[in-house]
Amino acid sequence: MSANTLPGGRTALTPVDAPWKALRGFLALDAVVSGGNGLAYLAFPGQLGDLLGAGRATLLGLGAVLAVFGAAAGVLAARRRPPRLGVLAVIDINLAWVVLSLVAMAAWLEPTTTGLVWIPLQAAVVALFGALQFTALRRTGALSR
């Protein structure tokens, strides 16, 4: 049994692997939440549009974007060491989502009371995902390359 092998054949995380595992976890969580929202927007655009104060076409478009984004984040999360540029793209897209969500709410959407709560709340969650992903990526040492 090697130094990194635990009883039952499991392997222990080395200090080098821990930041990568955290990064993959944050990417996976982003994939599940974003993909789930995307599928909900695609499945129920009229009902959710009425609830949030967004048009059906808007939610269908957002749903498609979120479903593809969720799948891409999931692919990255499945890699042992996700590529730096791919992770940075996810972080940048998350940042853009936050900004565009708030601008859309103020500039052209006419959100309902639920929308006034949901839009900034989901923007805050997405901002948190981006911050956690950036911090984990930095801890892997991949940013210094």
Protein backbone atom coordinates (compact mmCIF):
# COMPACT_ATOMS: atom_id res chain seq x y z
CA MET A 1 0.00 0.00 0.00
CA SER A 2 1.47 3.35 -1.03
CA ALA A 3 1.56 6.42 1.22
CA ASN A 4 -1.46 7.90 -0.58
CA THR A 5 -3.57 4.73 -0.51
CA LEU A 6 -6.17 4.34 2.21
CA PRO A 7 -7.77 1.08 3.36
CA GLY A 8 -10.23 -0.19 0.78
CA GLY A 9 -8.10 1.04 -2.12
CA ARG A 10 -9.15 4.68 -1.79
CA THR A 11 -6.50 7.30 -2.36
CA ALA A 12 -5.80 10.24 -0.10
CA LEU A 13 -5.79 13.72 -1.55
CA THR A 14 -2.37 15.25 -1.74
CA PRO A 15 -2.05 18.96 -0.92
CA VAL A 16 -1.51 19.55 -4.66
CA ASP A 17 -4.79 17.82 -5.59
CA ALA A 18 -7.03 19.57 -3.04
CA PRO A 19 -7.37 22.92 -4.91
CA TRP A 20 -8.16 21.05 -8.14
CA LYS A 21 -10.86 19.05 -6.37
CA ALA A 22 -12.35 22.27 -4.97
CA LEU A 23 -12.26 23.89 -8.42
CA ARG A 24 -13.98 20.88 -10.00
CA GLY A 25 -16.62 20.99 -7.25
CA PHE A 26 -17.36 24.66 -7.85
CA LEU A 27 -17.56 24.06 -11.61
CA ALA A 28 -19.88 21.09 -11.06
CA LEU A 29 -22.16 23.11 -8.77
CA ASP A 30 -22.26 25.89 -11.37
CA ALA A 31 -23.08 23.32 -14.05
CA VAL A 32 -25.97 21.85 -12.06
CA VAL A 33 -27.48 25.20 -11.03
CA SER A 34 -27.03 26.91 -14.42
CA GLY A 35 -28.09 23.86 -16.40
CA GLY A 36 -31.09 23.33 -14.13
CA ASN A 37 -32.19 26.94 -14.53
CA GLY A 38 -31.71 26.65 -18.27
CA LEU A 39 -33.87 23.54 -18.47
CA ALA A 40 -36.55 25.17 -16.32
CA TYR A 41 -36.58 28.25 -18.57
CA LEU A 42 -36.84 26.00 -21.65
CA ALA A 43 -39.60 23.84 -20.16
CA PHE A 44 -41.74 26.60 -18.64
CA PRO A 45 -40.98 29.88 -20.44
CA GLY A 46 -44.53 31.22 -20.25
CA GLN A 47 -45.17 30.42 -16.61
CA LEU A 48 -41.75 31.56 -15.40
CA GLY A 49 -41.91 34.62 -17.67
CA ASP A 50 -45.18 35.64 -16.05
CA LEU A 51 -43.77 34.97 -12.58
CA LEU A 52 -40.56 36.97 -13.17
CA GLY A 53 -41.77 39.64 -15.59
CA ALA A 54 -39.70 38.44 -18.55
CA GLY A 55 -40.97 37.53 -21.99
CA ARG A 56 -41.33 33.97 -23.22
CA ALA A 57 -38.79 34.50 -26.01
CA THR A 58 -36.31 35.99 -23.55
CA LEU A 59 -36.55 32.96 -21.27
CA LEU A 60 -36.28 30.52 -24.18
CA GLY A 61 -33.08 32.24 -25.32
CA LEU A 62 -31.68 32.39 -21.80
CA GLY A 63 -32.65 28.77 -21.24
CA ALA A 64 -30.73 27.64 -24.32
CA VAL A 65 -27.66 29.66 -23.30
CA LEU A 66 -27.77 28.35 -19.73
CA ALA A 67 -28.23 24.74 -20.84
CA VAL A 68 -25.19 24.94 -23.12
CA PHE A 69 -23.18 26.79 -20.47
CA GLY A 70 -24.13 24.21 -17.83
CA ALA A 71 -23.03 21.38 -20.12
CA ALA A 72 -19.71 23.11 -20.84
CA ALA A 73 -19.05 23.76 -17.15
CA GLY A 74 -19.89 20.11 -16.47
CA VAL A 75 -17.37 18.96 -19.06
CA LEU A 76 -14.70 21.10 -17.38
CA ALA A 77 -15.69 19.80 -13.94
CA ALA A 78 -15.22 16.23 -15.16
CA ARG A 79 -11.56 16.82 -16.05
CA ARG A 80 -8.92 15.98 -13.45
CA ARG A 81 -7.29 19.36 -14.04
CA PRO A 82 -9.61 21.65 -15.99
CA PRO A 83 -7.71 23.87 -18.45
CA ARG A 84 -6.99 27.36 -17.20
CA LEU A 85 -8.47 29.09 -20.25
CA GLY A 86 -11.68 27.10 -20.00
CA VAL A 87 -12.07 27.97 -16.32
CA LEU A 88 -11.29 31.63 -17.00
CA ALA A 89 -13.97 31.60 -19.72
CA VAL A 90 -16.52 30.26 -17.21
CA ILE A 91 -15.51 32.95 -14.71
CA ASP A 92 -15.76 35.69 -17.36
CA ILE A 93 -19.16 34.44 -18.52
CA ASN A 94 -20.35 34.42 -14.92
CA LEU A 95 -19.19 38.00 -14.48
CA ALA A 96 -20.92 39.04 -17.71
CA TRP A 97 -24.11 37.28 -16.54
CA VAL A 98 -24.09 39.25 -13.28
CA VAL A 99 -23.63 42.60 -15.01
CA LEU A 100 -26.17 41.88 -17.76
CA SER A 101 -28.74 40.60 -15.27
CA LEU A 102 -28.63 43.81 -13.28
CA VAL A 103 -28.56 46.03 -16.38
CA ALA A 104 -31.48 44.12 -17.93
CA MET A 105 -33.49 44.46 -14.73
CA ALA A 106 -32.93 48.20 -14.64
CA ALA A 107 -32.99 49.00 -18.35
CA TRP A 108 -35.48 46.89 -20.24
CA LEU A 109 -37.17 44.18 -18.22
CA GLU A 110 -40.29 45.00 -16.27
CA PRO A 111 -39.85 42.54 -13.41
CA THR A 112 -42.62 41.54 -11.09
CA THR A 113 -42.03 41.60 -7.35
CA THR A 114 -40.75 38.03 -7.65
CA GLY A 115 -38.45 39.10 -10.48
CA LEU A 116 -37.13 41.98 -8.39
CA VAL A 117 -36.05 39.40 -5.82
CA TRP A 118 -34.99 36.59 -8.19
CA ILE A 119 -32.82 38.55 -10.61
CA PRO A 120 -30.43 40.08 -8.04
CA LEU A 121 -30.47 36.86 -6.00
CA GLN A 122 -29.39 34.70 -8.93
CA ALA A 123 -26.84 37.35 -9.91
CA ALA A 124 -25.38 37.15 -6.40
CA VAL A 125 -25.19 33.35 -6.60
CA VAL A 126 -23.46 33.55 -9.98
CA ALA A 127 -21.03 36.15 -8.62
CA LEU A 128 -20.26 33.80 -5.73
CA PHE A 129 -19.61 30.93 -8.18
CA GLY A 130 -17.19 33.13 -10.11
CA ALA A 131 -15.37 34.24 -6.97
CA LEU A 132 -15.06 30.68 -5.67
CA GLN A 133 -13.87 29.42 -9.05
CA PHE A 134 -11.28 32.20 -9.35
CA THR A 135 -9.99 31.61 -5.83
CA ALA A 136 -9.72 27.86 -6.40
CA LEU A 137 -8.01 28.38 -9.77
CA ARG A 138 -5.51 30.74 -8.14
CA ARG A 139 -4.79 28.14 -5.44
CA THR A 140 -3.98 25.52 -8.09
CA GLY A 141 -1.12 27.71 -9.28
CA ALA A 142 -2.53 27.66 -12.83
CA LEU A 143 -2.81 31.46 -12.98
CA SER A 144 0.93 31.96 -12.60
CA ARG A 145 1.73 29.98 -15.75
